[in-house]
Amino acid sequence: MRVVNDCRPALLHRDNGADLESINKQHIATATTPDRRQAELWSLVLLSAGIANLSEYRYPDYLVMVEEDQAERAALEIQDYERENRNWPPPKNLGPVTMVEEEKRPPTVLLMGTLLVFHMITGPFSAESTWFSRGAVDSRAILEGGEWWRLITALTLHSGPGHLLGNLFIGGVIIHYLSKVFGTGLGWFMVIAAGTIANYVNVAARGSGHISVGFSTAVFAAVGLLCGIQLKLTNLRSVLLPLGAGAALLAMLGSSGERTDLGAHLWGLVVGLLLGAAWRLPWNTLRSWSWSGKQTAMLTLTLLAVWYAWAKALAG
């Protein structure tokens, strides 16, 4: 809103409570706005306060005109109205999921395919393999040696074809949907970030002597992210349903198998839930990141982080 003191002659377009005698008096613009509906609303506010007014369109703005002796009072009425209604209407409920328009067909197959290609290079788990000896999660090396990059590189390694295929198919479906919600760049950034954090929490909780590999920690982080954005803390049912869905998937897919790292899966789900819930906070500005340039930048940053982690690992 702009409150003005403009005494220039006006071409009066609308009579809002002004009689013929008042029209002949000098009017000034007490407030201007480029929004016609806003000008009409202010006019009604003034009428409700007993202040006759006139509306005029003077490119590029709409002017609300009042008699000179009413100008100060009219400006105060409008300012009071705006102050009292600053947060009205309340922001719309985000709803459970809002899609990013540009991400109707995220390149999930291409990105998940890099895990397949990388597995063809590294082969299955072997203690003698340079890839696994330098890239797997090793709690002692991380906690005592400061080799933080293992938290990232381990997400790209798999113990065998079965381990890999399970993550490709299940993870591909989940991350594909996640990319439609967050966008490809931001979606993959959050998945890798959550998986990395979960690996660290798991290592810190289990202590020395723990070794693990696999993208499944990031997959369960993606599940947690999807569940987290469904949470509404004011509605008990909306809290229990996503939590129950995540727990059920963890029980079905994340707690069986000889080499299954239940701790990593659990922490992946928990970290994802927390990040997903944070996504719904009012101060979060990342929801507006639908511009493809920002998504590309985030995807590039994510890929560079993985590349840099492997560069550190192989340089050791």
Protein backbone atom coordinates (compact mmCIF):
# COMPACT_ATOMS: atom_id res chain seq x y z
CA MET A 1 0.00 0.00 0.00
CA ARG A 2 1.17 3.53 -0.77
CA VAL A 3 -0.42 6.40 1.17
CA VAL A 4 0.06 9.59 -0.80
CA ASN A 5 -0.70 13.25 -0.67
CA ASP A 6 -1.44 14.01 -4.28
CA CYS A 7 -3.38 17.22 -4.91
CA ARG A 8 -3.36 16.98 -8.69
CA PRO A 9 -6.74 17.25 -10.46
CA ALA A 10 -8.38 13.86 -10.88
CA LEU A 11 -10.68 12.35 -13.48
CA LEU A 12 -13.20 10.66 -11.22
CA HIS A 13 -14.23 7.20 -12.40
CA ARG A 14 -16.36 5.95 -9.53
CA ASP A 15 -18.53 7.57 -6.88
CA ASN A 16 -18.31 5.66 -3.58
CA GLY A 17 -20.74 7.32 -1.19
CA ALA A 18 -20.00 10.85 -2.43
CA ASP A 19 -22.91 13.13 -3.18
CA LEU A 20 -23.03 15.64 -6.04
CA GLU A 21 -21.93 18.51 -3.79
CA SER A 22 -18.83 16.64 -2.58
CA ILE A 23 -17.79 15.78 -6.12
CA ASN A 24 -17.27 19.46 -6.78
CA LYS A 25 -14.86 19.70 -3.85
CA GLN A 26 -11.12 19.15 -4.15
CA HIS A 27 -10.19 15.45 -3.73
CA ILE A 28 -6.78 13.94 -3.20
CA ALA A 29 -5.49 10.39 -3.43
CA THR A 30 -5.16 8.92 0.03
CA ALA A 31 -3.90 5.52 -1.16
CA THR A 32 -2.80 3.93 -4.43
CA THR A 33 -2.38 0.35 -5.63
CA PRO A 34 -1.95 -1.42 -8.99
CA ASP A 35 -4.58 -3.95 -7.87
CA ARG A 36 -8.16 -2.94 -8.73
CA ARG A 37 -9.67 -5.33 -6.17
CA GLN A 38 -7.43 -3.93 -3.45
CA ALA A 39 -8.58 -0.41 -4.28
CA GLU A 40 -12.21 -1.52 -4.12
CA LEU A 41 -11.58 -3.17 -0.76
CA TRP A 42 -10.02 0.02 0.65
CA SER A 43 -12.98 1.98 -0.68
CA LEU A 44 -15.35 -0.30 1.26
CA VAL A 45 -13.21 0.11 4.38
CA LEU A 46 -13.54 3.88 4.13
CA LEU A 47 -17.28 3.66 3.51
CA SER A 48 -17.69 1.50 6.60
CA ALA A 49 -15.91 4.25 8.55
CA GLY A 50 -18.28 6.86 7.15
CA ILE A 51 -15.77 8.41 4.76
CA ALA A 52 -17.11 9.12 1.27
CA ASN A 53 -14.56 8.42 -1.45
CA LEU A 54 -14.01 8.22 -5.17
CA SER A 55 -12.00 5.79 -7.29
CA GLU A 56 -9.81 6.68 -10.22
CA TYR A 57 -7.50 4.73 -12.51
CA ARG A 58 -4.35 6.67 -13.33
CA TYR A 59 -1.87 4.40 -15.10
CA PRO A 60 -0.41 2.27 -13.67
CA ASP A 61 -2.31 2.61 -10.37
CA TYR A 62 -5.81 2.78 -8.96
CA LEU A 63 -6.31 5.78 -6.65
CA VAL A 64 -8.70 6.03 -3.74
CA MET A 65 -9.72 9.71 -3.50
CA VAL A 66 -11.19 11.54 -0.53
CA GLU A 67 -11.87 15.18 0.37
CA GLU A 68 -8.82 17.03 1.61
CA ASP A 69 -10.11 17.44 5.13
CA GLN A 70 -10.71 13.63 5.33
CA ALA A 71 -7.33 12.58 3.89
CA GLU A 72 -5.46 12.06 7.16
CA ARG A 73 -8.30 10.13 8.76
CA ALA A 74 -8.77 8.00 5.62
CA ALA A 75 -5.07 7.12 5.51
CA LEU A 76 -5.17 6.04 9.16
CA GLU A 77 -8.27 3.90 8.56
CA ILE A 78 -6.57 2.08 5.68
CA GLN A 79 -3.33 1.62 7.62
CA ASP A 80 -5.23 0.24 10.62
CA TYR A 81 -7.11 -2.16 8.37
CA GLU A 82 -3.90 -3.43 6.75
CA ARG A 83 -2.19 -3.85 10.11
CA GLU A 84 -5.10 -5.78 11.61
CA ASN A 85 -5.41 -8.05 8.56
CA ARG A 86 -1.71 -8.54 7.85
CA ASN A 87 -1.91 -12.32 8.28
CA TRP A 88 -5.33 -12.77 6.73
CA PRO A 89 -6.29 -14.90 4.95
CA PRO A 90 -4.13 -17.53 6.67
CA PRO A 91 -1.72 -19.43 4.40
CA LYS A 92 -3.31 -22.33 2.61
CA ASN A 93 -2.62 -25.78 3.96
CA LEU A 94 0.24 -27.26 2.02
CA GLY A 95 -1.68 -30.48 1.70
CA PRO A 96 0.04 -33.82 1.84
CA VAL A 97 1.96 -33.44 -1.41
CA THR A 98 2.42 -30.71 -3.99
CA MET A 99 4.11 -31.62 -7.25
CA VAL A 100 6.85 -29.64 -8.95
CA GLU A 101 5.47 -28.88 -12.40
CA GLU A 102 8.78 -29.24 -14.22
CA GLU A 103 9.28 -32.76 -12.84
CA LYS A 104 6.58 -34.72 -14.66
CA ARG A 105 9.26 -37.08 -16.01
CA PRO A 106 12.29 -37.00 -13.71
CA PRO A 107 15.34 -38.88 -15.08
CA THR A 108 15.19 -41.52 -12.35
CA VAL A 109 16.11 -44.46 -14.58
CA LEU A 110 19.22 -42.66 -15.81
CA LEU A 111 20.35 -41.72 -12.32
CA MET A 112 19.59 -45.11 -10.77
CA GLY A 113 21.32 -46.69 -13.75
CA THR A 114 24.59 -45.13 -12.64
CA LEU A 115 24.49 -47.45 -9.61
CA LEU A 116 24.23 -50.43 -11.95
CA VAL A 117 27.13 -49.21 -14.10
CA PHE A 118 29.22 -48.50 -11.01
CA HIS A 119 28.53 -51.98 -9.64
CA MET A 120 29.77 -53.44 -12.92
CA ILE A 121 33.02 -51.60 -12.26
CA THR A 122 33.43 -52.40 -8.55
CA GLY A 123 32.02 -55.94 -8.57
CA PRO A 124 30.54 -57.63 -5.45
CA PHE A 125 31.88 -57.12 -1.95
CA SER A 126 35.46 -58.19 -1.42
CA ALA A 127 37.76 -57.23 1.44
CA GLU A 128 40.66 -57.16 -1.00
CA SER A 129 38.89 -54.76 -3.39
CA THR A 130 40.23 -51.21 -3.31
CA TRP A 131 36.71 -49.92 -3.86
CA PHE A 132 35.37 -51.64 -0.74
CA SER A 133 38.45 -51.29 1.47
CA ARG A 134 38.46 -47.53 0.92
CA GLY A 135 34.79 -46.82 0.25
CA ALA A 136 32.75 -48.96 2.66
CA VAL A 137 31.39 -47.64 5.96
CA ASP A 138 34.07 -48.56 8.51
CA SER A 139 33.18 -47.20 11.92
CA ARG A 140 36.76 -47.24 13.19
CA ALA A 141 38.10 -45.40 10.14
CA ILE A 142 35.30 -42.83 10.37
CA LEU A 143 35.26 -42.23 14.12
CA GLU A 144 38.98 -42.54 14.79
CA GLY A 145 40.51 -41.76 11.40
CA GLY A 146 38.18 -38.95 10.32
CA GLU A 147 37.41 -40.61 6.97
CA TRP A 148 34.01 -38.93 6.60
CA TRP A 149 33.80 -39.63 2.87
CA ARG A 150 32.97 -43.27 3.58
CA LEU A 151 29.52 -42.11 4.73
CA ILE A 152 28.83 -41.10 1.12
CA THR A 153 30.85 -43.60 -0.91
CA ALA A 154 29.28 -46.57 0.90
CA LEU A 155 25.89 -45.56 -0.53
CA THR A 156 27.18 -46.35 -4.03
CA LEU A 157 28.53 -49.84 -3.20
CA HIS A 158 26.60 -53.14 -3.07
CA SER A 159 27.47 -56.57 -1.74
CA GLY A 160 26.09 -58.40 -4.78
CA PRO A 161 23.56 -58.39 -7.65
CA GLY A 162 20.59 -59.20 -5.41
CA HIS A 163 21.40 -56.36 -3.05
CA LEU A 164 21.79 -54.00 -6.00
CA LEU A 165 18.61 -55.02 -7.84
CA GLY A 166 16.46 -54.65 -4.73
CA ASN A 167 17.67 -51.09 -4.26
CA LEU A 168 17.30 -50.28 -7.96
CA PHE A 169 13.68 -51.41 -8.24
CA ILE A 170 12.31 -50.42 -4.84
CA GLY A 171 14.45 -47.32 -4.53
CA GLY A 172 13.77 -46.32 -8.11
CA VAL A 173 10.01 -46.25 -7.60
CA ILE A 174 10.24 -44.32 -4.33
CA ILE A 175 12.81 -41.80 -5.52
CA HIS A 176 10.95 -41.29 -8.80
CA TYR A 177 7.88 -40.20 -6.87
CA LEU A 178 10.00 -38.17 -4.46
CA SER A 179 11.54 -36.30 -7.41
CA LYS A 180 8.05 -35.30 -8.55
CA VAL A 181 7.47 -33.73 -5.17
CA PHE A 182 10.82 -32.07 -4.48
CA GLY A 183 12.23 -31.84 -7.99
CA THR A 184 15.08 -34.02 -9.27
CA GLY A 185 17.95 -31.87 -7.98
CA LEU A 186 16.57 -31.10 -4.54
CA GLY A 187 15.10 -34.60 -4.22
CA TRP A 188 18.42 -36.37 -4.84
CA PHE A 189 20.27 -33.88 -2.67
CA MET A 190 17.96 -34.63 0.26
CA VAL A 191 18.15 -38.39 -0.31
CA ILE A 192 21.97 -38.43 -0.34
CA ALA A 193 22.16 -35.97 2.56
CA ALA A 194 19.71 -38.00 4.66
CA GLY A 195 21.50 -41.25 3.81
CA THR A 196 24.85 -39.73 4.77
CA ILE A 197 23.53 -38.43 8.09
CA ALA A 198 21.87 -41.78 8.83
CA ASN A 199 25.13 -43.63 8.16
CA TYR A 200 26.92 -41.39 10.64
CA VAL A 201 24.27 -41.75 13.34
CA ASN A 202 24.32 -45.53 12.87
CA VAL A 203 28.11 -45.65 13.15
CA ALA A 204 28.12 -43.42 16.22
CA ALA A 205 25.47 -45.60 17.86
CA ARG A 206 27.16 -48.91 17.10
CA GLY A 207 30.76 -47.94 17.77
CA SER A 208 33.93 -49.49 16.35
CA GLY A 209 33.99 -52.68 14.34
CA HIS A 210 31.02 -51.99 12.09
CA ILE A 211 31.35 -52.31 8.29
CA SER A 212 28.51 -51.87 5.80
CA VAL A 213 27.69 -50.87 2.22
CA GLY A 214 24.57 -50.18 0.21
CA PHE A 215 22.15 -47.60 -1.12
CA SER A 216 19.31 -49.01 0.98
CA THR A 217 20.01 -46.51 3.77
CA ALA A 218 19.24 -43.73 1.27
CA VAL A 219 16.16 -45.64 0.06
CA PHE A 220 14.73 -45.74 3.57
CA ALA A 221 15.64 -42.07 3.94
CA ALA A 222 13.52 -41.43 0.83
CA VAL A 223 10.66 -43.38 2.44
CA GLY A 224 11.05 -41.22 5.55
CA LEU A 225 11.01 -38.04 3.47
CA LEU A 226 7.74 -39.03 1.81
CA CYS A 227 6.21 -39.95 5.17
CA GLY A 228 7.54 -36.79 6.82
CA ILE A 229 5.88 -34.41 4.37
CA GLN A 230 2.53 -36.05 5.20
CA LEU A 231 2.79 -35.21 8.89
CA LYS A 232 0.38 -32.74 10.46
CA LEU A 233 1.19 -32.41 14.13
CA THR A 234 -2.28 -31.02 14.83
CA ASN A 235 -3.94 -34.18 13.56
CA LEU A 236 -3.11 -37.44 15.35
CA ARG A 237 -4.32 -39.62 12.50
CA SER A 238 -2.14 -37.79 9.98
CA VAL A 239 0.86 -38.49 12.23
CA LEU A 240 0.15 -42.17 12.85
CA LEU A 241 -0.58 -43.15 9.24
CA PRO A 242 2.76 -42.05 7.73
CA LEU A 243 4.69 -43.39 10.73
CA GLY A 244 2.84 -46.69 10.46
CA ALA A 245 3.50 -46.92 6.73
CA GLY A 246 7.21 -46.28 7.22
CA ALA A 247 7.46 -48.80 10.07
CA ALA A 248 5.63 -51.44 8.02
CA LEU A 249 7.97 -50.99 5.08
CA LEU A 250 10.95 -51.19 7.41
CA ALA A 251 9.62 -54.45 8.87
CA MET A 252 8.98 -55.97 5.42
CA LEU A 253 12.06 -54.86 3.54
CA GLY A 254 14.60 -53.59 5.99
CA SER A 255 14.94 -56.21 8.70
CA SER A 256 15.54 -59.47 6.84
CA GLY A 257 18.56 -60.97 5.18
CA GLU A 258 21.91 -62.18 6.40
CA ARG A 259 23.75 -58.91 5.81
CA THR A 260 20.92 -56.52 6.45
CA ASP A 261 21.95 -53.47 8.46
CA LEU A 262 18.74 -52.81 10.40
CA GLY A 263 20.30 -49.88 12.25
CA ALA A 264 21.18 -48.05 9.04
CA HIS A 265 17.69 -48.66 7.64
CA LEU A 266 16.06 -47.47 10.84
CA TRP A 267 18.16 -44.32 11.05
CA GLY A 268 17.59 -43.65 7.36
CA LEU A 269 13.84 -43.73 7.99
CA VAL A 270 14.13 -41.51 11.10
CA VAL A 271 16.39 -38.91 9.47
CA GLY A 272 14.13 -38.84 6.41
CA LEU A 273 11.07 -38.34 8.61
CA LEU A 274 12.71 -35.39 10.36
CA LEU A 275 13.78 -33.74 7.11
CA GLY A 276 10.36 -34.34 5.57
CA ALA A 277 8.65 -32.79 8.61
CA ALA A 278 11.04 -29.81 8.42
CA TRP A 279 9.98 -29.37 4.80
CA ARG A 280 6.51 -28.38 6.02
CA LEU A 281 7.71 -25.66 8.38
CA PRO A 282 6.41 -22.16 7.51
CA TRP A 283 9.90 -20.64 7.17
CA ASN A 284 10.99 -23.17 4.56
CA THR A 285 11.63 -21.33 1.28
CA LEU A 286 12.82 -24.34 -0.72
CA ARG A 287 9.25 -25.25 -1.71
CA SER A 288 9.45 -22.48 -4.31
CA TRP A 289 12.43 -24.15 -5.99
CA SER A 290 10.51 -25.23 -9.06
CA TRP A 291 12.80 -23.27 -11.39
CA SER A 292 14.74 -25.80 -13.43
CA GLY A 293 18.01 -23.85 -13.06
CA LYS A 294 18.00 -24.28 -9.29
CA GLN A 295 17.13 -27.96 -9.60
CA THR A 296 20.00 -28.46 -12.04
CA ALA A 297 22.36 -26.68 -9.65
CA MET A 298 21.32 -28.93 -6.75
CA LEU A 299 21.70 -32.09 -8.82
CA THR A 300 25.15 -30.94 -9.97
CA LEU A 301 26.12 -30.21 -6.36
CA THR A 302 24.96 -33.68 -5.30
CA LEU A 303 26.92 -35.45 -8.05
CA LEU A 304 30.01 -33.36 -7.26
CA ALA A 305 29.72 -34.33 -3.58
CA VAL A 306 29.71 -38.04 -4.51
CA TRP A 307 32.60 -37.53 -6.93
CA TYR A 308 34.61 -35.60 -4.33
CA ALA A 309 34.00 -38.28 -1.69
CA TRP A 310 35.34 -40.95 -4.03
CA ALA A 311 38.29 -38.74 -4.96
CA LYS A 312 39.17 -38.46 -1.27
CA ALA A 313 38.70 -42.20 -0.76
CA LEU A 314 40.91 -43.28 -3.65
CA ALA A 315 43.57 -40.72 -2.83
CA GLY A 316 44.05 -42.24 0.63
